[in-house]
Every structure is written in structure tokens, then in C-alpha cells.
């Protein structure tokens, strides 16, 4: 029903407006008695064999929702009813910011992709904490953190530390988002020496808490093998807990969308089906070259159960969906979990 009826209607309107409208609808219908229960009965698929032990947690299944969908932690409870094993909020920055000027979110329907240059638009860490405090958390929550756009180079680490320390009591794991192509001074965020410094400071802060939280690094799909070798070395040196592979891409290779359309859209990060193969290649390279030395969360272009299995077989321990969730609908989670169980 989603792809035949609901999606065509939603795709008729501006994608960012549809996103906010969908949030409002899900909030509203979940307040109606028994609706949440009916959603769980229809969409969730549970089996002990789907459970994954990772980072000291028991994930009820390996299918998560990637960061960027619930930036401000306002809908994680409602989204959990669809059967996600974990949900990642953010990217959260210390202070609220509007992000880049609109229009900044574009569908590539013929490619089953999305280009965005949102620019870390969010209400700030304090707003996210308020939402996390009032929710009845019944799913593992990750906190994806970043810096404010106007933060000076010398203060980047301070921004990450502020988000980390403030969010620490309210999320289960952290993701350092250093690979989004829609933020300024991207070069510094991808510099190996700076990443060693950033991770070292975050780990020091983590050690100050009684209950330490897993820390992961989210990397781009556009890294070459030398850069991926540096990532493997970085994990070994810093003892960070894992990698999320991958973020959105700046590449436009192989798209069905016309050059005229792409020129009109301009810059931004590409997600969805077009980056599936490259994301899988990155996962496979990291897993094989490191001899599976660290956990990997695979994300990028998962639109079917087969896509999900491909990521897992390449070396991912868990997976996340985002664009596939928008294009294929919430039943994708159930289809993936059934396929995992049956393989």
C-alpha cells in the first residue's frame, strides 16, 4: 500500500515539508488508543535468533535507523514501533542552527536517491536532551554529534566535547560525524592527525563517567584505499569502538538524472541506491584488511532485503537504513529481518 498509494502522494510535495508533515501525523496517530500496539503487531518481527550482542548491548535485531531522520529526538518512540533494533538521533550540535538555505533536500526518483545539503539543521543539544528525558525509551539510542557551522577551527573539539558530555546520560552510544559533506572545513575533520586528537579527547571525557559509552566514527564512501588504511590504523591506535560506513557521497557518477537536473540541484551529499555498491566496497575492504578487528555498522543504499544481506555478508555487524525507508516504506525492516533469519 505504501509504494502504490502513500508514496506517490507524499512524493508530489516538497521533501522537507513532507518530512515535517509525516512527523506530525505519526505523533498524532500514536496518541490514539491502541494505534501504537496495532503498528507493532503489523510491522514488528521478532525472533531470538535476530539478536546481536555488540558494544555491551543486546540489539533485538540488526536493523537500525540512520542519523538524519530524527535529528532532534522527537520521534524515536513512535519510530521504534516499526521494528527497528536501534535508532540514531542527530546530528546534534551544541547550539541550535537553521542549517543551509532552502531548498536543500532533493529526490532523484529515477535513481532512488536523495541529495541533501541540510547543514546540520537542529535545535541543539539541550532540546534533544529534553526530548530524551520525557520519552519512554524502549529502543537502543545512538547520539550522532557534530560541530556548529560557525565554530572556529580551534574550537571544533570543544563542540564535540560539549555534545558528548551533555548527551552522555541519555544515549547508549555515540557517533562522531566527521564525514558529512555539508559542513565547513571538511578537510580538517577528515585529517588523520586531527581525528586522533579528537578521539583522544572524547575518550578522556568518556573515562570521567562511571558508565562509559561506545564511541564510533562515521566515514565517507569516497575514501580511497590509502585513506581506508589510515582509518584501520586510526582504530587500532585510538581503540575507538567501531566504524559506521558510510555517510553520503559527493560523487555523481552513474546517475540516471540529467546533468541539467544535477546542475540545478547543486552541491550536497548523495544517499540511497546510487551509493550502495561503493558503501559495500568500503565495508568489505575494512573488514577484510583489518581481519575484522572492529565492529562495522553498514549503511548506504539498502532498499531491499538482498541489499541488507549484501552489507552483512561484506562484513557489517549491524546495518542502518534511511533513504530506503523513505522509498520502500516501513515494511522494509520486517522484510530484512525475515531474510536474515532465513538465510
Foldseek 3Di string as FASTA:
>chain_A
DCQPPVQVVLVVDQVVVSLVVVQVVLVVQVVPPPSLVVLLVVQADFDCVQWDQAQNDTQRHQEEADEPSAAQLQCVVSLCSNHHSEYEYHQAWAAADQADDPPAWDAPVVQLKIFGLRGRHDHHLVSSVVNLVPDPDPHAYEYEYFYHQPDDPVCRLVGVQSSCLSCVVRHQAYEDELAFPNGPPSVLSLDLVNVLVSLVVSVVSQVVDPDGHAYEYEHALPDDPVSLVSVLVSCVVSVHAYYEFHDFDQDPPPRPDDPVVDVVNDTGGMFAQVCLVSSLVSLLSNCVVNVNPHAYEGEGHPQALVSVVSSVVSPHSHYYYYSSCSNRHSSRSVRNSVVVVVD
